[in-house]
């Protein structure tokens, strides 16, 4: 089972998209991406859970 998320799912005009094997790894990628590509934007764990998809 894989997990994915994309910035576009939040309404952002960003091509950032991730698909990985574990939810923990996906959250890690999202946090790094937010810090590097969207400084100042913070997402709660509930918001992160809403954009995660099981693929």
PDB file of N, CA and C in Angstrom:
ATOM      1  N   UNK A   1       0.843  -1.162   0.000  1.00  0.00           N
ATOM      2  CA  UNK A   1       0.000   0.000   0.000  1.00  0.00           C
ATOM      3  C   UNK A   1       0.895   1.234   0.000  1.00  0.00           C
ATOM      4  N   UNK A   2       0.525   2.234  -0.773  1.00  0.00           N
ATOM      5  CA  UNK A   2       1.293   3.469  -0.851  1.00  0.00           C
ATOM      6  C   UNK A   2       0.406   4.636  -0.418  1.00  0.00           C
ATOM      7  N   UNK A   3       1.059   5.740  -0.080  1.00  0.00           N
ATOM      8  CA  UNK A   3       0.361   6.951   0.343  1.00  0.00           C
ATOM      9  C   UNK A   3       0.820   8.095  -0.542  1.00  0.00           C
ATOM     10  N   UNK A   4      -0.103   9.003  -0.865  1.00  0.00           N
ATOM     11  CA  UNK A   4       0.270  10.137  -1.699  1.00  0.00           C
ATOM     12  C   UNK A   4      -0.412  11.409  -1.223  1.00  0.00           C
ATOM     13  N   UNK A   5       0.162  12.529  -1.627  1.00  0.00           N
ATOM     14  CA  UNK A   5      -0.410  13.848  -1.357  1.00  0.00           C
ATOM     15  C   UNK A   5       0.162  14.809  -2.375  1.00  0.00           C
ATOM     16  N   UNK A   6      -0.604  15.842  -2.679  1.00  0.00           N
ATOM     17  CA  UNK A   6      -0.160  16.863  -3.626  1.00  0.00           C
ATOM     18  C   UNK A   6      -0.579  18.234  -3.123  1.00  0.00           C
ATOM     19  N   UNK A   7       0.287  19.200  -3.321  1.00  0.00           N
ATOM     20  CA  UNK A   7      -0.027  20.574  -2.923  1.00  0.00           C
ATOM     21  C   UNK A   7      -1.308  21.060  -3.592  1.00  0.00           C
ATOM     22  N   UNK A   8      -1.506  20.683  -4.843  1.00  0.00           N
ATOM     23  CA  UNK A   8      -2.697  21.117  -5.569  1.00  0.00           C
ATOM     24  C   UNK A   8      -3.974  20.704  -4.848  1.00  0.00           C
ATOM     25  N   UNK A   9      -3.917  19.634  -4.053  1.00  0.00           N
ATOM     26  CA  UNK A   9      -5.095  19.183  -3.303  1.00  0.00           C
ATOM     27  C   UNK A   9      -5.513  20.189  -2.234  1.00  0.00           C
ATOM     28  N   UNK A  10      -4.620  21.111  -1.893  1.00  0.00           N
ATOM     29  CA  UNK A  10      -4.936  22.131  -0.895  1.00  0.00           C
ATOM     30  C   UNK A  10      -5.386  23.424  -1.560  1.00  0.00           C
ATOM     31  N   UNK A  11      -5.363  23.455  -2.887  1.00  0.00           N
ATOM     32  CA  UNK A  11      -5.713  24.655  -3.624  1.00  0.00           C
ATOM     33  C   UNK A  11      -4.506  25.496  -3.984  1.00  0.00           C
ATOM     34  N   UNK A  12      -3.318  25.054  -3.576  1.00  0.00           N
ATOM     35  CA  UNK A  12      -2.089  25.792  -3.874  1.00  0.00           C
ATOM     36  C   UNK A  12      -1.710  25.612  -5.341  1.00  0.00           C
ATOM     37  N   UNK A  13      -1.126  26.651  -5.912  1.00  0.00           N
ATOM     38  CA  UNK A  13      -0.615  26.584  -7.283  1.00  0.00           C
ATOM     39  C   UNK A  13       0.829  26.096  -7.205  1.00  0.00           C
ATOM     40  N   UNK A  14       0.980  24.798  -6.958  1.00  0.00           N
ATOM     41  CA  UNK A  14       2.298  24.206  -6.744  1.00  0.00           C
ATOM     42  C   UNK A  14       2.301  22.797  -7.318  1.00  0.00           C
ATOM     43  N   UNK A  15       3.363  22.436  -8.026  1.00  0.00           N
ATOM     44  CA  UNK A  15       3.431  21.097  -8.610  1.00  0.00           C
ATOM     45  C   UNK A  15       3.885  20.009  -7.627  1.00  0.00           C
ATOM     46  N   UNK A  16       4.154  20.376  -6.366  1.00  0.00           N
ATOM     47  CA  UNK A  16       4.640  19.404  -5.396  1.00  0.00           C
ATOM     48  C   UNK A  16       3.694  18.225  -5.243  1.00  0.00           C
ATOM     49  N   UNK A  17       4.217  17.020  -5.386  1.00  0.00           N
ATOM     50  CA  UNK A  17       3.424  15.797  -5.290  1.00  0.00           C
ATOM     51  C   UNK A  17       4.327  14.671  -4.808  1.00  0.00           C
ATOM     52  N   UNK A  18       3.822  13.863  -3.904  1.00  0.00           N
ATOM     53  CA  UNK A  18       4.626  12.798  -3.306  1.00  0.00           C
ATOM     54  C   UNK A  18       3.830  11.508  -3.219  1.00  0.00           C
ATOM     55  N   UNK A  19       4.480  10.398  -3.527  1.00  0.00           N
ATOM     56  CA  UNK A  19       3.910   9.065  -3.336  1.00  0.00           C
ATOM     57  C   UNK A  19       5.006   8.204  -2.731  1.00  0.00           C
ATOM     58  N   UNK A  20       4.722   7.656  -1.550  1.00  0.00           N
ATOM     59  CA  UNK A  20       5.713   6.866  -0.815  1.00  0.00           C
ATOM     60  C   UNK A  20       5.034   5.656  -0.178  1.00  0.00           C
ATOM     61  N   UNK A  21       5.821   4.805   0.442  1.00  0.00           N
ATOM     62  CA  UNK A  21       5.313   3.544   0.989  1.00  0.00           C
ATOM     63  C   UNK A  21       4.636   3.656   2.354  1.00  0.00           C
ATOM     64  N   UNK A  22       5.036   4.639   3.180  1.00  0.00           N
ATOM     65  CA  UNK A  22       4.444   4.723   4.517  1.00  0.00           C
ATOM     66  C   UNK A  22       3.894   6.124   4.785  1.00  0.00           C
ATOM     67  N   UNK A  23       2.900   6.178   5.651  1.00  0.00           N
ATOM     68  CA  UNK A  23       2.306   7.466   6.015  1.00  0.00           C
ATOM     69  C   UNK A  23       3.337   8.347   6.718  1.00  0.00           C
ATOM     70  N   UNK A  24       4.160   7.765   7.573  1.00  0.00           N
ATOM     71  CA  UNK A  24       5.183   8.527   8.272  1.00  0.00           C
ATOM     72  C   UNK A  24       6.165   9.180   7.325  1.00  0.00           C
ATOM     73  N   UNK A  25       6.565   8.428   6.303  1.00  0.00           N
ATOM     74  CA  UNK A  25       7.480   8.964   5.295  1.00  0.00           C
ATOM     75  C   UNK A  25       6.825  10.107   4.529  1.00  0.00           C
ATOM     76  N   UNK A  26       5.544   9.967   4.233  1.00  0.00           N
ATOM     77  CA  UNK A  26       4.832  11.016   3.516  1.00  0.00           C
ATOM     78  C   UNK A  26       4.755  12.296   4.348  1.00  0.00           C
ATOM     79  N   UNK A  27       4.429  12.168   5.615  1.00  0.00           N
ATOM     80  CA  UNK A  27       4.364  13.337   6.498  1.00  0.00           C
ATOM     81  C   UNK A  27       5.727  14.024   6.564  1.00  0.00           C
ATOM     82  N   UNK A  28       6.779  13.227   6.617  1.00  0.00           N
ATOM     83  CA  UNK A  28       8.139  13.773   6.635  1.00  0.00           C
ATOM     84  C   UNK A  28       8.421  14.580   5.360  1.00  0.00           C
ATOM     85  N   UNK A  29       8.072  14.017   4.200  1.00  0.00           N
ATOM     86  CA  UNK A  29       8.263  14.719   2.930  1.00  0.00           C
ATOM     87  C   UNK A  29       7.443  16.006   2.887  1.00  0.00           C
ATOM     88  N   UNK A  30       6.205  15.941   3.358  1.00  0.00           N
ATOM     89  CA  UNK A  30       5.361  17.132   3.347  1.00  0.00           C
ATOM     90  C   UNK A  30       5.934  18.234   4.224  1.00  0.00           C
ATOM     91  N   UNK A  31       6.425  17.864   5.396  1.00  0.00           N
ATOM     92  CA  UNK A  31       7.011  18.868   6.286  1.00  0.00           C
ATOM     93  C   UNK A  31       8.245  19.520   5.674  1.00  0.00           C
ATOM     94  N   UNK A  32       9.096  18.734   5.038  1.00  0.00           N
ATOM     95  CA  UNK A  32      10.288  19.272   4.371  1.00  0.00           C
ATOM     96  C   UNK A  32       9.868  20.186   3.224  1.00  0.00           C
ATOM     97  N   UNK A  33       8.899  19.743   2.430  1.00  0.00           N
ATOM     98  CA  UNK A  33       8.425  20.538   1.296  1.00  0.00           C
ATOM     99  C   UNK A  33       7.830  21.863   1.776  1.00  0.00           C
ATOM    100  N   UNK A  34       7.016  21.818   2.811  1.00  0.00           N
ATOM    101  CA  UNK A  34       6.434  23.058   3.341  1.00  0.00           C
ATOM    102  C   UNK A  34       7.518  24.032   3.773  1.00  0.00           C
ATOM    103  N   UNK A  35       8.510  23.535   4.491  1.00  0.00           N
ATOM    104  CA  UNK A  35       9.579  24.401   4.997  1.00  0.00           C
ATOM    105  C   UNK A  35      10.396  25.027   3.865  1.00  0.00           C
ATOM    106  N   UNK A  36      10.649  24.241   2.813  1.00  0.00           N
ATOM    107  CA  UNK A  36      11.493  24.724   1.722  1.00  0.00           C
ATOM    108  C   UNK A  36      10.736  25.518   0.666  1.00  0.00           C
ATOM    109  N   UNK A  37       9.531  25.087   0.331  1.00  0.00           N
ATOM    110  CA  UNK A  37       8.798  25.702  -0.779  1.00  0.00           C
ATOM    111  C   UNK A  37       7.715  26.684  -0.344  1.00  0.00           C
ATOM    112  N   UNK A  38       7.256  26.551   0.901  1.00  0.00           N
ATOM    113  CA  UNK A  38       6.173  27.400   1.393  1.00  0.00           C
ATOM    114  C   UNK A  38       6.494  27.900   2.798  1.00  0.00           C
ATOM    115  N   UNK A  39       7.609  28.631   2.948  1.00  0.00           N
ATOM    116  CA  UNK A  39       7.977  29.098   4.287  1.00  0.00           C
ATOM    117  C   UNK A  39       6.865  29.963   4.880  1.00  0.00           C
ATOM    118  N   UNK A  40       6.606  29.751   6.142  1.00  0.00           N
ATOM    119  CA  UNK A  40       5.566  30.505   6.822  1.00  0.00           C
ATOM    120  C   UNK A  40       4.214  29.829   6.804  1.00  0.00           C
ATOM    121  N   UNK A  41       4.033  28.851   5.916  1.00  0.00           N
ATOM    122  CA  UNK A  41       2.769  28.110   5.871  1.00  0.00           C
ATOM    123  C   UNK A  41       2.867  26.950   6.846  1.00  0.00           C
ATOM    124  N   UNK A  42       1.890  26.842   7.693  1.00  0.00           N
ATOM    125  CA  UNK A  42       1.850  25.740   8.651  1.00  0.00           C
ATOM    126  C   UNK A  42       0.571  24.947   8.452  1.00  0.00           C
ATOM    127  N   UNK A  43       0.678  23.645   8.573  1.00  0.00           N
ATOM    128  CA  UNK A  43      -0.497  22.780   8.479  1.00  0.00           C
ATOM    129  C   UNK A  43      -0.613  21.991   9.767  1.00  0.00           C
ATOM    130  N   UNK A  44      -1.828  21.886  10.256  1.00  0.00           N
ATOM    131  CA  UNK A  44      -2.057  21.057  11.431  1.00  0.00           C
ATOM    132  C   UNK A  44      -2.040  19.595  11.009  1.00  0.00           C
ATOM    133  N   UNK A  45      -1.906  18.709  11.980  1.00  0.00           N
ATOM    134  CA  UNK A  45      -1.918  17.276  11.652  1.00  0.00           C
ATOM    135  C   UNK A  45      -3.265  16.880  11.055  1.00  0.00           C
ATOM    136  N   UNK A  46      -4.346  17.525  11.458  1.00  0.00           N
ATOM    137  CA  UNK A  46      -5.662  17.237  10.866  1.00  0.00           C
ATOM    138  C   UNK A  46      -5.709  17.640   9.399  1.00  0.00           C
ATOM    139  N   UNK A  47      -5.121  18.781   9.074  1.00  0.00           N
ATOM    140  CA  UNK A  47      -5.080  19.229   7.685  1.00  0.00           C
ATOM    141  C   UNK A  47      -4.236  18.291   6.830  1.00  0.00           C
ATOM    142  N   UNK A  48      -3.129  17.832   7.369  1.00  0.00           N
ATOM    143  CA  UNK A  48      -2.283  16.880   6.654  1.00  0.00           C
ATOM    144  C   UNK A  48      -3.062  15.594   6.394  1.00  0.00           C
ATOM    145  N   UNK A  49      -3.763  15.100   7.393  1.00  0.00           N
ATOM    146  CA  UNK A  49      -4.543  13.868   7.241  1.00  0.00           C
ATOM    147  C   UNK A  49      -5.592  13.998   6.133  1.00  0.00           C
ATOM    148  N   UNK A  50      -6.133  15.198   5.952  1.00  0.00           N
ATOM    149  CA  UNK A  50      -7.170  15.407   4.943  1.00  0.00           C
ATOM    150  C   UNK A  50      -6.643  15.306   3.518  1.00  0.00           C
ATOM    151  N   UNK A  51      -5.365  15.604   3.296  1.00  0.00           N
ATOM    152  CA  UNK A  51      -4.848  15.549   1.925  1.00  0.00           C
ATOM    153  C   UNK A  51      -4.148  14.237   1.597  1.00  0.00           C
ATOM    154  N   UNK A  52      -3.916  13.399   2.598  1.00  0.00           N
ATOM    155  CA  UNK A  52      -3.262  12.113   2.360  1.00  0.00           C
ATOM    156  C   UNK A  52      -4.252  11.141   1.706  1.00  0.00           C
ATOM    157  N   UNK A  53      -3.789  10.490   0.655  1.00  0.00           N
ATOM    158  CA  UNK A  53      -4.593   9.501  -0.043  1.00  0.00           C
ATOM    159  C   UNK A  53      -3.874   8.154  -0.030  1.00  0.00           C
ATOM    160  N   UNK A  54      -4.634   7.104   0.136  1.00  0.00           N
ATOM    161  CA  UNK A  54      -4.080   5.756   0.049  1.00  0.00           C
ATOM    162  C   UNK A  54      -4.233   5.318  -1.399  1.00  0.00           C
ATOM    163  N   UNK A  55      -3.093   4.900  -2.000  1.00  0.00           N
ATOM    164  CA  UNK A  55      -3.125   4.492  -3.413  1.00  0.00           C
ATOM    165  C   UNK A  55      -2.620   3.072  -3.582  1.00  0.00           C
TER     166      UNK A  55
END
